[in-house]
């Protein structure tokens, strides 16, 4: 059935949204969690949604996985409408949310086995798959303990294993590595990349970890205040911003003179603070040696030179004027809690 599904969606986007919108009411005010999202994801893509708390990342995933309904707009996953064909969507996807997926009194091995059988795996195949996942996520020694006795990191790894049990053709991961130590975060990245590379699994994940999005995703979608503000590969997003060249001088006069010369660079953004010049420019790493030599010849030699490549956080700062690491703005900080409460209410 999985192979048939992959074939059926291969001719078009596996995920498509048009004007996807979700509003909440909080304290008699309307919160626009997602605003008119237009999105297409091709089969086999590995996409990261990047943005601060309250940006709308988790709300988008909850709509795409049928946990909450859109306020307006449409969305299709694996060729099925998320409102009219909820059951078909759920059969086509795996989902790892932010909350604990396993029952607290259930043993980890039993929970995985139950999930595998529920997805139609024959008992022998299910047993093999469960053993693979327990080994892959370093849970074999803890598999027969009640979930309630596991540590936070162990439970998170079990959550991820549950989401991967049927190797779904479309996989959604909502902050999957939160709470994991660096070793297990790297292991999770390896599992995700293997699914994408070897099985052609379409994967959409949300993350706060810039390095994770940079290393994993072939495509990064930056979301802020419920809207897409950038959509490209991480290397292209960073290349468009350019390198940061920092020059230190003996006095402010030399810094001003250096800034005037640096202004000749096409597209360069130059700032001066006391005796330091900061230049953001595409190809800054290649241009810096020539500028340093020119300044020395002009009698204003730089005493310190530093070139730093751009990060995704720099991209976000350039787009919004604030850092991803700082989190969302004050009026957005409680949106995730509102989203979670709405989800729980719908489930009840």
Protein backbone atom coordinates (compact mmCIF):
# COMPACT_ATOMS: atom_id res chain seq x y z
CA UNK A 1 0.00 0.00 0.00
CA UNK A 2 2.88 2.34 0.75
CA UNK A 3 4.42 1.85 -2.69
CA UNK A 4 1.06 2.52 -4.36
CA UNK A 5 0.71 5.71 -2.38
CA UNK A 6 4.18 6.89 -3.37
CA UNK A 7 3.34 6.24 -7.02
CA UNK A 8 -0.02 7.99 -6.83
CA UNK A 9 1.45 11.25 -5.52
CA UNK A 10 4.66 11.23 -7.56
CA UNK A 11 3.08 13.18 -10.43
CA UNK A 12 2.35 16.25 -8.28
CA UNK A 13 3.02 17.89 -4.93
CA UNK A 14 2.64 15.58 -1.95
CA UNK A 15 1.65 18.63 0.13
CA UNK A 16 -0.26 21.59 -1.27
CA UNK A 17 -1.86 24.50 0.59
CA UNK A 18 -3.74 27.47 -0.81
CA UNK A 19 -4.50 30.43 1.44
CA UNK A 20 -4.22 28.21 4.52
CA UNK A 21 -5.24 30.27 7.55
CA UNK A 22 -5.85 29.61 11.22
CA UNK A 23 -7.18 32.15 13.72
CA UNK A 24 -7.66 31.77 17.47
CA UNK A 25 -9.58 33.80 19.96
CA UNK A 26 -7.66 34.71 23.11
CA UNK A 27 -8.95 37.15 25.71
CA UNK A 28 -11.60 38.31 23.22
CA UNK A 29 -8.88 39.14 20.70
CA UNK A 30 -8.11 37.37 17.43
CA UNK A 31 -4.68 35.76 17.08
CA UNK A 32 -3.65 35.13 13.47
CA UNK A 33 -1.48 32.05 13.97
CA UNK A 34 -1.20 31.24 10.24
CA UNK A 35 -2.07 33.79 7.56
CA UNK A 36 -2.73 32.77 3.96
CA UNK A 37 -0.05 30.09 3.59
CA UNK A 38 0.56 28.98 -0.01
CA UNK A 39 2.89 26.00 -0.12
CA UNK A 40 3.87 23.08 -2.32
CA UNK A 41 6.17 20.24 -1.26
CA UNK A 42 7.32 17.73 -3.86
CA UNK A 43 7.64 13.99 -3.14
CA UNK A 44 10.94 13.18 -1.47
CA UNK A 45 11.70 16.69 -0.22
CA UNK A 46 13.13 17.27 3.25
CA UNK A 47 11.78 20.62 4.41
CA UNK A 48 12.45 22.51 7.64
CA UNK A 49 10.06 25.12 9.02
CA UNK A 50 12.17 27.61 10.93
CA UNK A 51 10.92 30.41 13.15
CA UNK A 52 10.56 31.63 16.76
CA UNK A 53 7.95 30.51 19.27
CA UNK A 54 4.49 31.55 18.15
CA UNK A 55 5.46 31.95 14.50
CA UNK A 56 2.84 29.45 13.31
CA UNK A 57 5.06 26.43 12.62
CA UNK A 58 3.27 23.98 14.91
CA UNK A 59 -0.16 25.28 13.93
CA UNK A 60 0.67 24.58 10.29
CA UNK A 61 1.72 21.01 11.09
CA UNK A 62 -1.43 20.45 13.16
CA UNK A 63 -3.59 21.50 10.24
CA UNK A 64 -1.64 19.33 7.79
CA UNK A 65 -1.97 16.31 10.11
CA UNK A 66 -5.74 16.88 10.63
CA UNK A 67 -5.44 17.66 14.35
CA UNK A 68 -7.09 21.04 13.87
CA UNK A 69 -9.17 22.43 11.01
CA UNK A 70 -8.21 25.53 9.03
CA UNK A 71 -10.17 28.72 9.58
CA UNK A 72 -10.03 29.21 5.82
CA UNK A 73 -8.07 28.02 2.81
CA UNK A 74 -7.38 24.46 1.72
CA UNK A 75 -4.69 21.84 2.22
CA UNK A 76 -4.01 18.45 0.64
CA UNK A 77 -1.59 15.80 1.87
CA UNK A 78 -0.80 12.78 -0.29
CA UNK A 79 -3.67 13.79 -2.56
CA UNK A 80 -6.26 13.96 0.24
CA UNK A 81 -8.05 17.00 1.63
CA UNK A 82 -7.19 17.50 5.30
CA UNK A 83 -10.79 18.39 6.20
CA UNK A 84 -12.91 16.12 4.01
CA UNK A 85 -10.57 13.10 3.99
CA UNK A 86 -9.03 13.05 7.44
CA UNK A 87 -8.84 9.27 7.70
CA UNK A 88 -7.07 8.94 4.34
CA UNK A 89 -4.56 11.63 5.33
CA UNK A 90 -3.83 9.88 8.62
CA UNK A 91 -3.22 6.57 6.85
CA UNK A 92 -0.65 8.31 4.65
CA UNK A 93 1.46 10.04 7.28
CA UNK A 94 3.56 9.67 10.37
CA UNK A 95 3.52 12.43 12.98
CA UNK A 96 5.75 13.16 15.95
CA UNK A 97 4.25 15.98 17.99
CA UNK A 98 5.70 17.92 20.89
CA UNK A 99 3.81 15.97 23.57
CA UNK A 100 4.42 12.43 24.78
CA UNK A 101 2.84 9.89 22.41
CA UNK A 102 3.10 6.75 24.54
CA UNK A 103 0.77 5.71 27.35
CA UNK A 104 2.54 6.16 30.69
CA UNK A 105 1.80 2.71 32.06
CA UNK A 106 2.55 0.90 28.81
CA UNK A 107 5.95 -0.66 28.27
CA UNK A 108 7.95 0.92 25.48
CA UNK A 109 8.30 -2.30 23.49
CA UNK A 110 4.58 -3.03 23.77
CA UNK A 111 3.71 0.50 22.65
CA UNK A 112 5.87 0.17 19.55
CA UNK A 113 4.46 -3.27 18.81
CA UNK A 114 0.89 -2.03 19.14
CA UNK A 115 1.61 0.85 16.78
CA UNK A 116 3.24 -1.44 14.23
CA UNK A 117 0.28 -3.86 14.30
CA UNK A 118 -2.20 -0.99 14.05
CA UNK A 119 -0.46 0.08 10.85
CA UNK A 120 -0.90 -3.39 9.40
CA UNK A 121 2.59 -4.85 9.78
CA UNK A 122 2.54 -8.66 10.12
CA UNK A 123 3.59 -9.81 13.58
CA UNK A 124 7.03 -11.09 12.52
CA UNK A 125 7.76 -7.96 10.50
CA UNK A 126 6.52 -5.78 13.35
CA UNK A 127 8.76 -7.54 15.85
CA UNK A 128 11.81 -7.02 13.62
CA UNK A 129 10.92 -3.36 13.06
CA UNK A 130 10.46 -2.76 16.80
CA UNK A 131 13.86 -4.30 17.55
CA UNK A 132 15.46 -2.09 14.87
CA UNK A 133 13.96 1.07 16.34
CA UNK A 134 14.85 0.17 19.92
CA UNK A 135 18.46 -0.36 18.87
CA UNK A 136 18.57 2.74 16.65
CA UNK A 137 17.36 5.03 19.44
CA UNK A 138 19.36 3.42 22.25
CA UNK A 139 16.24 2.11 23.99
CA UNK A 140 16.81 -1.66 23.97
CA UNK A 141 17.87 -1.74 27.64
CA UNK A 142 14.79 0.24 28.67
CA UNK A 143 12.19 -1.34 26.39
CA UNK A 144 10.44 -3.37 29.10
CA UNK A 145 10.05 -0.52 31.57
CA UNK A 146 6.82 1.46 31.92
CA UNK A 147 7.00 4.67 29.93
CA UNK A 148 6.39 6.68 33.11
CA UNK A 149 9.74 5.51 34.50
CA UNK A 150 11.77 6.69 31.50
CA UNK A 151 13.73 9.92 31.53
CA UNK A 152 12.56 12.88 29.47
CA UNK A 153 15.14 12.19 26.76
CA UNK A 154 14.26 8.49 26.64
CA UNK A 155 10.56 9.29 26.28
CA UNK A 156 11.30 11.74 23.48
CA UNK A 157 13.29 9.10 21.63
CA UNK A 158 10.41 6.69 22.07
CA UNK A 159 8.02 9.31 20.65
CA UNK A 160 10.17 9.60 17.55
CA UNK A 161 10.44 5.82 17.19
CA UNK A 162 6.64 5.55 17.31
CA UNK A 163 6.36 8.11 14.51
CA UNK A 164 8.79 6.12 12.35
CA UNK A 165 7.43 2.64 13.00
CA UNK A 166 5.58 2.19 9.69
CA UNK A 167 8.16 4.14 7.63
CA UNK A 168 5.41 6.41 6.29
CA UNK A 169 5.62 8.02 2.84
CA UNK A 170 5.02 11.44 4.46
CA UNK A 171 6.47 12.25 7.87
CA UNK A 172 5.86 15.33 10.04
CA UNK A 173 8.21 16.06 12.94
CA UNK A 174 7.34 18.89 15.35
CA UNK A 175 10.48 19.91 17.26
CA UNK A 176 11.67 16.28 17.25
CA UNK A 177 15.05 16.86 18.90
CA UNK A 178 13.86 19.03 21.79
CA UNK A 179 15.16 17.54 25.04
CA UNK A 180 17.74 15.31 23.36
CA UNK A 181 21.44 15.47 24.15
CA UNK A 182 23.86 16.12 21.27
CA UNK A 183 24.60 12.42 20.73
CA UNK A 184 20.96 11.43 20.40
CA UNK A 185 20.19 14.52 18.35
CA UNK A 186 22.86 13.44 15.86
CA UNK A 187 21.42 9.92 15.87
CA UNK A 188 17.95 11.27 15.14
CA UNK A 189 19.35 13.31 12.25
CA UNK A 190 20.92 10.16 10.85
CA UNK A 191 17.61 8.27 11.04
CA UNK A 192 15.73 11.11 9.35
CA UNK A 193 18.28 11.40 6.56
CA UNK A 194 18.23 7.63 6.02
CA UNK A 195 14.44 7.61 5.64
CA UNK A 196 14.61 10.45 3.16
CA UNK A 197 17.56 9.09 1.20
CA UNK A 198 16.79 5.35 1.11
CA UNK A 199 13.00 5.33 1.17
CA UNK A 200 12.16 8.60 -0.55
CA UNK A 201 10.13 9.70 2.47
CA UNK A 202 8.83 13.26 2.25
CA UNK A 203 9.73 14.90 5.56
CA UNK A 204 8.57 18.20 7.04
CA UNK A 205 10.02 19.22 10.38
CA UNK A 206 9.89 22.23 12.64
CA UNK A 207 12.90 23.15 14.71
CA UNK A 208 14.46 25.84 16.86
CA UNK A 209 17.93 24.44 16.22
CA UNK A 210 19.51 26.44 13.42
CA UNK A 211 22.29 23.91 12.93
CA UNK A 212 19.72 21.14 12.58
CA UNK A 213 17.82 22.91 9.81
CA UNK A 214 21.08 23.83 8.10
CA UNK A 215 22.46 20.29 8.13
CA UNK A 216 19.28 18.30 7.47
CA UNK A 217 16.98 20.17 5.16
CA UNK A 218 17.31 20.59 1.43
CA UNK A 219 14.79 23.41 1.75
CA UNK A 220 14.24 25.91 4.56
CA UNK A 221 10.98 27.80 4.97
CA UNK A 222 11.28 30.71 7.39
CA UNK A 223 7.98 31.64 9.08
CA UNK A 224 7.28 34.72 11.16
CA UNK A 225 3.94 36.00 12.47
CA UNK A 226 2.11 33.27 10.58
CA UNK A 227 3.57 34.10 7.16
CA UNK A 228 6.36 32.71 4.99
CA UNK A 229 9.11 35.31 4.72
CA UNK A 230 11.75 33.16 2.97
CA UNK A 231 11.77 29.84 1.12
CA UNK A 232 14.96 28.41 -0.37
CA UNK A 233 17.87 26.11 0.37
CA UNK A 234 19.97 27.06 3.38
CA UNK A 235 23.12 27.70 1.29
CA UNK A 236 21.26 30.07 -1.06
CA UNK A 237 19.56 31.93 1.78
CA UNK A 238 22.92 32.49 3.43
CA UNK A 239 24.75 33.29 0.22
CA UNK A 240 22.22 35.98 -0.65
CA UNK A 241 22.89 37.67 2.69
CA UNK A 242 26.67 37.54 2.37
CA UNK A 243 29.66 37.27 4.70
CA UNK A 244 30.36 39.60 7.61
CA UNK A 245 33.76 41.31 7.41
CA UNK A 246 34.88 43.00 10.63
CA UNK A 247 37.82 45.42 10.55
CA UNK A 248 39.41 46.93 13.65
CA UNK A 249 41.45 50.17 13.51
CA UNK A 250 43.63 52.24 15.81
CA UNK A 251 41.24 55.19 15.83
CA UNK A 252 37.78 56.26 14.66
CA UNK A 253 39.18 58.41 11.83
CA UNK A 254 40.74 55.41 10.12
CA UNK A 255 37.49 53.47 10.60
CA UNK A 256 35.48 56.20 8.86
CA UNK A 257 37.94 56.28 5.96
CA UNK A 258 37.74 52.49 5.64
CA UNK A 259 33.95 52.60 5.66
CA UNK A 260 33.95 55.11 2.80
CA UNK A 261 36.13 52.80 0.70
CA UNK A 262 34.03 49.75 1.60
CA UNK A 263 30.90 51.58 0.44
CA UNK A 264 32.19 51.14 -3.11
CA UNK A 265 31.39 47.42 -2.92
CA UNK A 266 28.20 46.67 -4.79
CA UNK A 267 25.41 45.72 -2.39
CA UNK A 268 27.58 46.10 0.72
CA UNK A 269 25.98 47.16 3.99
CA UNK A 270 28.52 49.08 6.08
CA UNK A 271 28.30 50.23 9.69
CA UNK A 272 30.88 52.02 11.86
CA UNK A 273 31.08 51.80 15.64
CA UNK A 274 33.97 53.70 17.22
CA UNK A 275 37.10 52.19 15.63
CA UNK A 276 35.37 49.13 14.14
CA UNK A 277 33.86 48.69 10.68
CA UNK A 278 31.36 45.91 9.97
CA UNK A 279 30.65 45.06 6.34
CA UNK A 280 27.96 42.62 5.19
CA UNK A 281 28.45 41.73 1.52
CA UNK A 282 27.96 38.83 -0.86
CA UNK A 283 31.37 37.29 -1.50
CA UNK A 284 32.85 39.20 1.42
CA UNK A 285 35.40 36.48 2.08
CA UNK A 286 36.86 36.89 -1.42
CA UNK A 287 36.68 40.68 -1.39
CA UNK A 288 38.23 41.24 2.05
CA UNK A 289 41.92 40.70 1.11
CA UNK A 290 41.71 43.33 -1.63
CA UNK A 291 40.08 45.84 0.70
CA UNK A 292 42.67 45.24 3.41
CA UNK A 293 45.51 45.74 0.91
CA UNK A 294 43.88 48.91 -0.46
CA UNK A 295 43.49 50.34 3.04
CA UNK A 296 47.14 49.64 3.85
CA UNK A 297 48.29 51.41 0.70
CA UNK A 298 46.05 54.38 1.58
CA UNK A 299 47.70 54.67 5.00
CA UNK A 300 44.78 53.33 7.04
CA UNK A 301 45.87 49.76 7.76
CA UNK A 302 43.46 47.45 9.59
CA UNK A 303 44.81 46.15 12.90
CA UNK A 304 42.28 43.33 13.07
CA UNK A 305 40.45 41.42 10.34
CA UNK A 306 37.71 38.85 10.87
CA UNK A 307 35.46 37.22 8.29
CA UNK A 308 32.42 35.28 9.46
CA UNK A 309 30.13 33.28 7.21
CA UNK A 310 26.38 33.93 7.54
CA UNK A 311 24.08 31.73 9.61
CA UNK A 312 20.34 31.14 9.30
CA UNK A 313 19.93 33.33 12.37
CA UNK A 314 21.66 36.13 10.48
CA UNK A 315 19.20 35.59 7.63
CA UNK A 316 16.27 35.85 10.01
CA UNK A 317 17.74 38.96 11.66
CA UNK A 318 18.15 40.58 8.26
CA UNK A 319 14.56 39.75 7.30
CA UNK A 320 12.85 40.74 10.55
CA UNK A 321 15.23 42.87 12.59
CA UNK A 322 15.33 40.34 15.43
CA UNK A 323 17.10 37.09 16.21
CA UNK A 324 15.60 33.62 15.99
CA UNK A 325 17.41 32.80 19.21
CA UNK A 326 15.51 35.55 21.01
CA UNK A 327 12.17 33.82 20.40
CA UNK A 328 8.94 35.47 19.33
CA UNK A 329 7.68 38.91 20.14
CA UNK A 330 5.77 39.45 23.37
CA UNK A 331 2.35 39.31 21.72
CA UNK A 332 3.23 35.97 20.14
CA UNK A 333 4.81 34.14 23.05
CA UNK A 334 1.66 32.44 24.34
CA UNK A 335 0.37 31.38 20.91
CA UNK A 336 1.80 27.88 21.22
CA UNK A 337 -0.10 27.37 24.47
CA UNK A 338 -3.31 28.58 22.78
CA UNK A 339 -2.69 26.19 19.88
CA UNK A 340 -2.12 23.28 22.26
CA UNK A 341 -5.25 24.05 24.23
CA UNK A 342 -7.32 24.21 21.07
CA UNK A 343 -5.91 20.86 19.92
CA UNK A 344 -6.70 19.20 23.22
CA UNK A 345 -10.21 20.61 23.16
CA UNK A 346 -10.81 19.26 19.67
CA UNK A 347 -9.45 15.85 20.62
CA UNK A 348 -11.67 15.67 23.69
